[in-house]
N, C-alpha and C. Protein backbone atom coordinates (compact mmCIF):
# COMPACT_ATOMS: atom_id res chain seq x y z
N MET A 1 -8.52 13.55 7.19
CA MET A 1 -9.51 12.97 6.28
C MET A 1 -8.79 12.18 5.20
N ARG A 2 -9.52 11.28 4.57
CA ARG A 2 -8.92 10.46 3.54
C ARG A 2 -9.91 10.21 2.41
N ASP A 3 -9.36 9.88 1.28
CA ASP A 3 -10.20 9.52 0.14
C ASP A 3 -10.74 8.12 0.38
N ILE A 4 -11.98 7.93 0.04
CA ILE A 4 -12.58 6.60 0.06
C ILE A 4 -12.66 6.17 -1.40
N LYS A 5 -11.82 5.23 -1.77
CA LYS A 5 -11.73 4.80 -3.15
C LYS A 5 -11.82 3.29 -3.23
N PHE A 6 -12.32 2.84 -4.37
CA PHE A 6 -12.40 1.40 -4.64
C PHE A 6 -11.98 1.18 -6.08
N ARG A 7 -11.66 -0.06 -6.37
CA ARG A 7 -11.43 -0.44 -7.75
C ARG A 7 -12.02 -1.82 -7.95
N GLN A 8 -12.49 -2.08 -9.16
CA GLN A 8 -13.07 -3.38 -9.49
C GLN A 8 -12.71 -3.72 -10.92
N ARG A 9 -12.33 -4.96 -11.14
CA ARG A 9 -12.05 -5.41 -12.50
C ARG A 9 -13.38 -5.64 -13.19
N ILE A 10 -13.53 -5.09 -14.38
CA ILE A 10 -14.75 -5.31 -15.14
C ILE A 10 -14.39 -6.01 -16.44
N LYS A 11 -15.31 -6.82 -16.89
CA LYS A 11 -15.08 -7.61 -18.10
C LYS A 11 -15.00 -6.68 -19.30
N GLY A 12 -14.08 -7.01 -20.19
CA GLY A 12 -14.00 -6.29 -21.45
C GLY A 12 -15.20 -6.65 -22.32
N MET A 13 -15.65 -5.70 -23.08
CA MET A 13 -16.80 -5.94 -23.95
C MET A 13 -16.32 -6.23 -25.36
N HIS A 14 -17.03 -7.13 -26.04
CA HIS A 14 -16.76 -7.45 -27.45
C HIS A 14 -15.32 -7.89 -27.66
N GLY A 15 -14.82 -8.75 -26.78
CA GLY A 15 -13.51 -9.33 -26.94
C GLY A 15 -12.34 -8.46 -26.48
N THR A 16 -12.63 -7.31 -25.85
CA THR A 16 -11.54 -6.47 -25.36
C THR A 16 -11.05 -7.00 -24.02
N LYS A 17 -9.88 -6.54 -23.59
CA LYS A 17 -9.31 -6.98 -22.32
C LYS A 17 -10.12 -6.45 -21.14
N ASP A 18 -10.04 -7.19 -20.03
CA ASP A 18 -10.61 -6.68 -18.78
C ASP A 18 -9.89 -5.39 -18.43
N ARG A 19 -10.57 -4.55 -17.66
CA ARG A 19 -9.94 -3.30 -17.22
C ARG A 19 -10.38 -2.99 -15.81
N TRP A 20 -9.70 -2.05 -15.17
CA TRP A 20 -10.04 -1.63 -13.82
C TRP A 20 -10.93 -0.41 -13.86
N ARG A 21 -11.96 -0.39 -13.03
CA ARG A 21 -12.83 0.77 -12.87
C ARG A 21 -12.58 1.29 -11.46
N TYR A 22 -12.26 2.58 -11.36
CA TYR A 22 -12.01 3.21 -10.07
C TYR A 22 -13.21 4.07 -9.71
N TRP A 23 -13.60 4.03 -8.44
CA TRP A 23 -14.72 4.84 -8.00
C TRP A 23 -14.59 5.16 -6.53
N GLY A 24 -15.33 6.14 -6.06
CA GLY A 24 -15.24 6.49 -4.65
C GLY A 24 -15.72 7.89 -4.35
N TYR A 25 -15.20 8.44 -3.25
CA TYR A 25 -15.67 9.73 -2.77
C TYR A 25 -14.52 10.44 -2.07
N ASP A 26 -14.33 11.69 -2.40
CA ASP A 26 -13.31 12.51 -1.76
C ASP A 26 -13.98 13.23 -0.59
N ILE A 27 -13.74 12.76 0.64
CA ILE A 27 -14.46 13.34 1.77
C ILE A 27 -13.89 14.68 2.21
N ASP A 28 -12.76 15.11 1.62
CA ASP A 28 -12.25 16.46 1.90
C ASP A 28 -13.06 17.52 1.17
N ASP A 29 -13.74 17.11 0.11
CA ASP A 29 -14.54 18.04 -0.68
C ASP A 29 -16.01 17.72 -0.46
N ILE A 30 -16.64 18.45 0.46
CA ILE A 30 -18.03 18.19 0.83
C ILE A 30 -18.97 18.27 -0.36
N ASP A 31 -18.67 19.16 -1.30
CA ASP A 31 -19.56 19.36 -2.44
C ASP A 31 -19.28 18.41 -3.60
N ALA A 32 -18.28 17.54 -3.46
CA ALA A 32 -17.93 16.63 -4.55
C ALA A 32 -19.01 15.57 -4.72
N ASP A 33 -19.23 15.19 -5.94
CA ASP A 33 -20.18 14.13 -6.24
C ASP A 33 -19.54 12.78 -6.00
N PHE A 34 -20.36 11.84 -5.61
CA PHE A 34 -19.90 10.47 -5.47
C PHE A 34 -19.69 9.91 -6.87
N THR A 35 -18.56 9.28 -7.10
CA THR A 35 -18.30 8.63 -8.37
C THR A 35 -18.49 7.15 -8.15
N GLY A 36 -19.58 6.62 -8.65
CA GLY A 36 -19.89 5.22 -8.39
C GLY A 36 -19.63 4.33 -9.58
N PRO A 37 -19.77 3.04 -9.38
CA PRO A 37 -19.59 2.12 -10.50
C PRO A 37 -20.67 2.36 -11.54
N ILE A 38 -20.32 2.21 -12.79
CA ILE A 38 -21.30 2.46 -13.84
C ILE A 38 -22.05 1.20 -14.17
N GLY A 39 -23.30 1.32 -14.56
CA GLY A 39 -24.15 0.17 -14.80
C GLY A 39 -24.20 -0.28 -16.24
N MET A 40 -23.48 0.37 -17.13
CA MET A 40 -23.56 0.02 -18.54
C MET A 40 -22.48 -0.97 -18.95
N VAL A 41 -21.83 -1.56 -18.00
CA VAL A 41 -20.80 -2.56 -18.31
C VAL A 41 -21.23 -3.89 -17.72
N GLU A 42 -20.64 -4.93 -18.21
CA GLU A 42 -20.96 -6.27 -17.72
C GLU A 42 -20.12 -6.56 -16.48
N TRP A 43 -20.76 -6.66 -15.33
CA TRP A 43 -20.07 -6.94 -14.07
C TRP A 43 -19.93 -8.44 -13.91
N ASP A 44 -18.94 -8.84 -13.19
CA ASP A 44 -18.82 -10.24 -12.83
C ASP A 44 -18.76 -10.33 -11.32
N ASP A 45 -18.41 -11.46 -10.78
CA ASP A 45 -18.44 -11.66 -9.33
C ASP A 45 -17.16 -11.25 -8.63
N ARG A 46 -16.28 -10.56 -9.30
CA ARG A 46 -15.04 -10.14 -8.66
C ARG A 46 -15.32 -9.03 -7.65
N PRO A 47 -14.60 -9.04 -6.55
CA PRO A 47 -14.88 -8.08 -5.49
C PRO A 47 -14.37 -6.67 -5.79
N ASN A 48 -14.86 -5.72 -5.00
CA ASN A 48 -14.32 -4.37 -5.00
C ASN A 48 -13.13 -4.37 -4.06
N TYR A 49 -12.07 -3.66 -4.43
CA TYR A 49 -10.88 -3.57 -3.59
C TYR A 49 -10.78 -2.15 -3.06
N GLN A 50 -10.64 -1.99 -1.76
CA GLN A 50 -10.60 -0.68 -1.14
C GLN A 50 -9.18 -0.11 -1.12
N TYR A 51 -9.08 1.21 -1.25
CA TYR A 51 -7.81 1.92 -1.20
C TYR A 51 -7.33 1.94 0.25
N THR A 52 -6.04 1.64 0.47
CA THR A 52 -5.49 1.58 1.83
C THR A 52 -5.02 2.93 2.35
N THR A 53 -5.01 3.94 1.51
CA THR A 53 -4.48 5.30 1.76
C THR A 53 -2.97 5.34 1.72
N LEU A 54 -2.32 4.23 1.38
CA LEU A 54 -0.86 4.18 1.28
C LEU A 54 -0.45 4.16 -0.19
N LYS A 55 0.77 4.64 -0.44
CA LYS A 55 1.35 4.57 -1.78
C LYS A 55 2.68 3.84 -1.68
N ASP A 56 3.06 3.18 -2.76
CA ASP A 56 4.32 2.46 -2.74
C ASP A 56 5.48 3.40 -3.06
N ASN A 57 6.67 2.85 -3.15
CA ASN A 57 7.85 3.68 -3.39
C ASN A 57 7.86 4.33 -4.77
N ASN A 58 6.97 3.90 -5.66
CA ASN A 58 6.83 4.50 -6.99
C ASN A 58 5.62 5.42 -7.07
N ASP A 59 5.07 5.80 -5.91
CA ASP A 59 3.92 6.70 -5.79
C ASP A 59 2.63 6.09 -6.38
N LYS A 60 2.57 4.77 -6.40
CA LYS A 60 1.40 4.05 -6.89
C LYS A 60 0.47 3.74 -5.72
N GLU A 61 -0.81 4.04 -5.87
CA GLU A 61 -1.77 3.77 -4.80
C GLU A 61 -1.84 2.27 -4.53
N ILE A 62 -1.90 1.91 -3.24
CA ILE A 62 -1.98 0.51 -2.85
C ILE A 62 -3.42 0.19 -2.47
N PHE A 63 -4.01 -0.75 -3.21
CA PHE A 63 -5.37 -1.18 -2.95
C PHE A 63 -5.36 -2.57 -2.33
N GLU A 64 -6.43 -2.87 -1.62
CA GLU A 64 -6.65 -4.22 -1.11
C GLU A 64 -6.53 -5.19 -2.29
N GLY A 65 -5.92 -6.33 -2.06
CA GLY A 65 -5.75 -7.31 -3.12
C GLY A 65 -4.42 -7.18 -3.86
N ALA A 66 -3.69 -6.09 -3.59
CA ALA A 66 -2.40 -5.90 -4.24
C ALA A 66 -1.39 -6.89 -3.71
N ILE A 67 -0.51 -7.33 -4.58
CA ILE A 67 0.62 -8.14 -4.17
C ILE A 67 1.78 -7.16 -4.02
N VAL A 68 2.30 -7.07 -2.81
CA VAL A 68 3.35 -6.09 -2.54
C VAL A 68 4.62 -6.78 -2.07
N ARG A 69 5.72 -6.11 -2.30
CA ARG A 69 7.02 -6.55 -1.79
C ARG A 69 7.43 -5.54 -0.73
N LYS A 70 7.68 -6.01 0.47
CA LYS A 70 8.09 -5.14 1.58
C LYS A 70 9.61 -5.13 1.66
N HIS A 71 10.17 -3.93 1.64
CA HIS A 71 11.61 -3.73 1.78
C HIS A 71 11.88 -3.14 3.15
N ILE A 72 12.88 -3.65 3.82
CA ILE A 72 13.25 -3.14 5.15
C ILE A 72 14.63 -2.51 5.06
N LYS A 73 14.76 -1.33 5.63
CA LYS A 73 16.03 -0.59 5.60
C LYS A 73 17.16 -1.46 6.15
N ASP A 74 18.29 -1.44 5.46
CA ASP A 74 19.50 -2.16 5.85
C ASP A 74 19.32 -3.68 5.93
N ASN A 75 18.34 -4.20 5.20
CA ASN A 75 18.10 -5.64 5.19
C ASN A 75 17.89 -6.07 3.73
N PRO A 76 18.72 -6.95 3.20
CA PRO A 76 18.58 -7.35 1.80
C PRO A 76 17.37 -8.26 1.53
N ARG A 77 16.83 -8.87 2.56
CA ARG A 77 15.68 -9.76 2.39
C ARG A 77 14.41 -8.96 2.19
N THR A 78 13.51 -9.47 1.37
CA THR A 78 12.21 -8.85 1.16
C THR A 78 11.12 -9.86 1.49
N GLU A 79 9.93 -9.36 1.66
CA GLU A 79 8.78 -10.21 1.96
C GLU A 79 7.68 -9.85 0.98
N GLU A 80 7.03 -10.85 0.39
CA GLU A 80 5.92 -10.61 -0.52
C GLU A 80 4.64 -11.11 0.13
N PHE A 81 3.59 -10.30 0.01
CA PHE A 81 2.30 -10.70 0.56
C PHE A 81 1.17 -9.98 -0.15
N ILE A 82 -0.03 -10.44 0.10
CA ILE A 82 -1.23 -9.85 -0.48
C ILE A 82 -1.87 -8.94 0.56
N VAL A 83 -2.20 -7.74 0.16
CA VAL A 83 -2.83 -6.77 1.07
C VAL A 83 -4.27 -7.22 1.31
N ARG A 84 -4.61 -7.41 2.57
CA ARG A 84 -5.96 -7.88 2.95
C ARG A 84 -6.46 -7.09 4.15
N TRP A 85 -7.76 -7.11 4.32
CA TRP A 85 -8.40 -6.53 5.49
C TRP A 85 -8.28 -7.56 6.61
N ASP A 86 -7.85 -7.12 7.78
CA ASP A 86 -7.70 -8.00 8.93
C ASP A 86 -8.82 -7.68 9.92
N GLU A 87 -9.77 -8.57 10.02
CA GLU A 87 -10.93 -8.36 10.91
C GLU A 87 -10.50 -8.18 12.36
N ASN A 88 -9.49 -8.91 12.79
CA ASN A 88 -9.05 -8.81 14.19
C ASN A 88 -8.39 -7.48 14.50
N GLN A 89 -7.71 -6.90 13.54
CA GLN A 89 -7.03 -5.61 13.74
C GLN A 89 -7.89 -4.42 13.30
N CYS A 90 -9.02 -4.71 12.66
CA CYS A 90 -9.89 -3.67 12.10
C CYS A 90 -9.10 -2.74 11.20
N GLY A 91 -8.29 -3.31 10.35
CA GLY A 91 -7.48 -2.55 9.41
C GLY A 91 -6.77 -3.47 8.43
N PHE A 92 -6.05 -2.86 7.51
CA PHE A 92 -5.32 -3.63 6.52
C PHE A 92 -4.04 -4.20 7.13
N ASN A 93 -3.53 -5.25 6.54
CA ASN A 93 -2.30 -5.91 7.02
C ASN A 93 -1.06 -5.22 6.44
N ILE A 94 -1.10 -3.90 6.36
CA ILE A 94 -0.02 -3.09 5.81
C ILE A 94 -0.01 -1.78 6.59
N SER A 95 1.17 -1.21 6.80
CA SER A 95 1.23 0.01 7.60
C SER A 95 2.36 0.93 7.15
N ARG A 96 2.26 2.18 7.53
CA ARG A 96 3.32 3.14 7.26
C ARG A 96 4.50 2.85 8.18
N GLY A 97 5.68 3.23 7.75
CA GLY A 97 6.84 3.05 8.61
C GLY A 97 8.04 3.82 8.10
N LYS A 98 8.90 4.18 9.03
CA LYS A 98 10.11 4.92 8.66
C LYS A 98 11.21 3.99 8.16
N ASN A 99 11.19 2.75 8.58
CA ASN A 99 12.26 1.82 8.24
C ASN A 99 11.88 0.77 7.21
N HIS A 100 10.72 0.94 6.60
CA HIS A 100 10.32 0.01 5.55
C HIS A 100 9.48 0.72 4.50
N TRP A 101 9.40 0.11 3.32
CA TRP A 101 8.60 0.66 2.24
C TRP A 101 8.10 -0.50 1.38
N TYR A 102 7.13 -0.20 0.53
CA TYR A 102 6.47 -1.23 -0.26
C TYR A 102 6.62 -0.95 -1.74
N GLU A 103 6.49 -2.03 -2.50
CA GLU A 103 6.50 -1.95 -3.95
C GLU A 103 5.36 -2.84 -4.45
N VAL A 104 4.40 -2.28 -5.19
CA VAL A 104 3.33 -3.08 -5.77
C VAL A 104 3.92 -3.86 -6.92
N ILE A 105 3.77 -5.18 -6.87
CA ILE A 105 4.33 -6.02 -7.92
C ILE A 105 3.26 -6.70 -8.75
N GLY A 106 2.00 -6.51 -8.40
CA GLY A 106 0.93 -7.08 -9.22
C GLY A 106 -0.37 -7.24 -8.48
N TYR A 107 -1.32 -7.81 -9.20
CA TYR A 107 -2.64 -8.12 -8.66
C TYR A 107 -3.06 -9.48 -9.20
N GLU A 108 -3.79 -10.22 -8.41
CA GLU A 108 -4.41 -11.48 -8.83
C GLU A 108 -3.43 -12.47 -9.44
N ASN A 109 -2.35 -12.75 -8.72
CA ASN A 109 -1.38 -13.75 -9.15
C ASN A 109 -1.73 -15.06 -8.45
N PRO A 110 -2.34 -16.02 -9.16
CA PRO A 110 -2.81 -17.26 -8.51
C PRO A 110 -1.72 -18.01 -7.76
N LYS A 111 -0.51 -18.05 -8.29
CA LYS A 111 0.59 -18.79 -7.65
C LYS A 111 0.92 -18.18 -6.29
N LEU A 112 1.05 -16.86 -6.23
CA LEU A 112 1.35 -16.19 -4.96
C LEU A 112 0.15 -16.24 -4.01
N MET A 113 -1.06 -16.15 -4.55
CA MET A 113 -2.25 -16.18 -3.70
C MET A 113 -2.39 -17.50 -2.99
N LYS A 114 -2.10 -18.62 -3.67
CA LYS A 114 -2.16 -19.94 -3.04
C LYS A 114 -1.14 -20.04 -1.91
N ARG A 115 0.04 -19.50 -2.14
CA ARG A 115 1.12 -19.58 -1.17
C ARG A 115 0.82 -18.75 0.09
N ASN A 116 -0.01 -17.73 -0.02
CA ASN A 116 -0.27 -16.83 1.09
C ASN A 116 -1.63 -17.03 1.75
N ARG A 117 -2.27 -18.14 1.55
CA ARG A 117 -3.59 -18.35 2.16
C ARG A 117 -3.46 -18.89 3.54
């Protein structure tokens, strides 16, 4: 079983910075309440990003939309990409592996997003 989690950037109120709102459901706990997005904040058109169930080398949860750096064992080269849902594979474009690991380096970087479209 896995946690079903999402995150969404919500607009800051009264001139405060935008922030992330996390919500979802722990399906291992049948009696747990669903934690949904709250309606008392100003939403914008930004999407919800789903949790991939993977964590990076710093134990940080990796969500869809993350910009990650892939490290391969015994290889000095790295690869940077944006985590996305792949309709053809019915899964995210990221996977577990014994010979590689990931590092989350950011979210919503326009320069990197243009390069990876």
